[in-house]
């Protein structure tokens, strides 16, 4: 899953504001509950007619 860093600390060497991918569900859950990251929307593109 992809997450955006919203805290003011680096996570896995990435700066705040960057999008990171975390595969460990427990790590992701703890970082979200701590307010360090937020889930990025799926980003599905809408088709054109």
N, C-alpha and C. Protein backbone atom coordinates (compact mmCIF):
# COMPACT_ATOMS: atom_id res chain seq x y z
N UNK A 1 0.83 -1.18 0.00
CA UNK A 1 0.00 0.00 0.00
C UNK A 1 0.88 1.25 0.00
N UNK A 2 0.35 2.31 -0.54
CA UNK A 2 1.10 3.55 -0.61
C UNK A 2 0.56 4.54 0.41
N UNK A 3 1.49 5.24 1.04
CA UNK A 3 1.15 6.20 2.07
C UNK A 3 1.94 7.48 1.86
N UNK A 4 1.36 8.60 2.29
CA UNK A 4 2.03 9.89 2.24
C UNK A 4 2.48 10.25 3.65
N UNK A 5 3.72 10.69 3.79
CA UNK A 5 4.24 11.07 5.08
C UNK A 5 3.68 12.45 5.44
N UNK A 6 2.91 12.51 6.54
CA UNK A 6 2.32 13.77 6.96
C UNK A 6 2.95 14.31 8.24
N UNK A 7 3.77 13.50 8.88
CA UNK A 7 4.47 13.95 10.08
C UNK A 7 5.69 14.79 9.71
N UNK A 8 6.48 15.16 10.72
CA UNK A 8 7.66 15.97 10.44
C UNK A 8 8.96 15.19 10.57
N UNK A 9 8.88 13.87 10.65
CA UNK A 9 10.06 13.02 10.76
C UNK A 9 10.23 12.18 9.50
N UNK A 10 11.48 11.80 9.21
CA UNK A 10 11.76 10.90 8.09
C UNK A 10 11.26 9.50 8.43
N UNK A 11 10.78 8.79 7.42
CA UNK A 11 10.37 7.40 7.57
C UNK A 11 11.05 6.61 6.46
N UNK A 12 11.82 5.61 6.84
CA UNK A 12 12.56 4.78 5.88
C UNK A 12 13.43 5.62 4.95
N UNK A 13 13.99 6.69 5.49
CA UNK A 13 14.88 7.54 4.71
C UNK A 13 14.18 8.52 3.78
N UNK A 14 12.87 8.58 3.82
CA UNK A 14 12.10 9.49 2.96
C UNK A 14 11.70 10.73 3.76
N UNK A 15 11.65 11.85 3.07
CA UNK A 15 11.31 13.14 3.68
C UNK A 15 9.80 13.30 3.83
N UNK A 16 9.35 14.14 4.78
CA UNK A 16 7.92 14.44 4.90
C UNK A 16 7.35 15.00 3.60
N UNK A 17 6.15 14.56 3.24
CA UNK A 17 5.50 14.98 2.01
C UNK A 17 5.67 13.98 0.88
N UNK A 18 6.64 13.07 1.01
CA UNK A 18 6.85 12.07 -0.03
C UNK A 18 5.88 10.91 0.14
N UNK A 19 5.66 10.17 -0.95
CA UNK A 19 4.82 8.98 -0.94
C UNK A 19 5.73 7.76 -0.84
N UNK A 20 5.41 6.88 0.12
CA UNK A 20 6.21 5.67 0.32
C UNK A 20 5.30 4.45 0.22
N UNK A 21 5.91 3.30 0.00
CA UNK A 21 5.16 2.05 -0.03
C UNK A 21 5.58 1.22 1.16
N UNK A 22 4.59 0.79 1.95
CA UNK A 22 4.85 -0.04 3.12
C UNK A 22 4.10 -1.35 2.94
N UNK A 23 4.83 -2.45 3.00
CA UNK A 23 4.22 -3.76 2.80
C UNK A 23 3.85 -4.44 4.12
N UNK A 24 4.46 -3.99 5.22
CA UNK A 24 4.18 -4.55 6.54
C UNK A 24 2.93 -3.90 7.12
N UNK A 25 1.85 -4.69 7.24
CA UNK A 25 0.57 -4.15 7.70
C UNK A 25 0.64 -3.60 9.12
N UNK A 26 1.36 -4.28 10.01
CA UNK A 26 1.46 -3.82 11.40
C UNK A 26 2.20 -2.49 11.49
N UNK A 27 3.27 -2.35 10.74
CA UNK A 27 4.02 -1.09 10.72
C UNK A 27 3.15 0.03 10.18
N UNK A 28 2.46 -0.23 9.10
CA UNK A 28 1.60 0.78 8.49
C UNK A 28 0.50 1.20 9.46
N UNK A 29 -0.12 0.23 10.11
CA UNK A 29 -1.20 0.54 11.05
C UNK A 29 -0.71 1.39 12.22
N UNK A 30 0.46 1.07 12.74
CA UNK A 30 0.99 1.83 13.87
C UNK A 30 1.38 3.24 13.46
N UNK A 31 1.92 3.42 12.26
CA UNK A 31 2.29 4.76 11.78
C UNK A 31 1.06 5.61 11.48
N UNK A 32 0.00 4.99 10.97
CA UNK A 32 -1.24 5.72 10.71
C UNK A 32 -1.87 6.15 12.03
N UNK A 33 -1.94 5.24 13.00
CA UNK A 33 -2.55 5.59 14.28
C UNK A 33 -1.73 6.63 15.04
N UNK A 34 -0.44 6.69 14.78
CA UNK A 34 0.42 7.69 15.42
C UNK A 34 0.38 9.03 14.71
N UNK A 35 -0.28 9.11 13.56
CA UNK A 35 -0.42 10.36 12.85
C UNK A 35 0.81 10.72 12.01
N UNK A 36 1.61 9.72 11.66
CA UNK A 36 2.82 9.98 10.87
C UNK A 36 2.58 9.87 9.37
N UNK A 37 1.64 9.01 8.97
CA UNK A 37 1.36 8.79 7.55
C UNK A 37 -0.14 8.72 7.33
N UNK A 38 -0.56 8.88 6.06
CA UNK A 38 -1.95 8.68 5.69
C UNK A 38 -2.00 7.91 4.38
N UNK A 39 -3.04 7.11 4.22
CA UNK A 39 -3.18 6.29 3.02
C UNK A 39 -3.48 7.17 1.82
N UNK A 40 -2.81 6.88 0.72
CA UNK A 40 -3.04 7.60 -0.53
C UNK A 40 -4.18 6.90 -1.26
N UNK A 41 -5.09 7.68 -1.85
CA UNK A 41 -6.21 7.10 -2.58
C UNK A 41 -5.71 6.24 -3.73
N UNK A 42 -6.55 5.37 -4.19
CA UNK A 42 -6.17 4.39 -5.20
C UNK A 42 -5.70 5.04 -6.50
N UNK A 43 -6.17 6.22 -6.80
CA UNK A 43 -5.71 6.94 -7.99
C UNK A 43 -6.20 6.34 -9.29
N UNK A 44 -7.36 5.70 -9.26
CA UNK A 44 -7.90 5.15 -10.49
C UNK A 44 -8.24 6.28 -11.44
N UNK A 45 -7.83 6.13 -12.69
CA UNK A 45 -8.10 7.15 -13.69
C UNK A 45 -9.47 6.90 -14.31
N UNK A 46 -10.19 7.98 -14.52
CA UNK A 46 -11.49 7.88 -15.17
C UNK A 46 -11.30 7.79 -16.66
N UNK A 47 -12.02 6.92 -17.29
CA UNK A 47 -11.92 6.75 -18.74
C UNK A 47 -12.63 7.88 -19.47
N UNK A 48 -12.15 8.16 -20.65
CA UNK A 48 -12.80 9.17 -21.48
C UNK A 48 -13.79 8.52 -22.42
N UNK A 49 -14.80 9.26 -22.79
CA UNK A 49 -15.84 8.69 -23.67
C UNK A 49 -15.54 9.00 -25.11
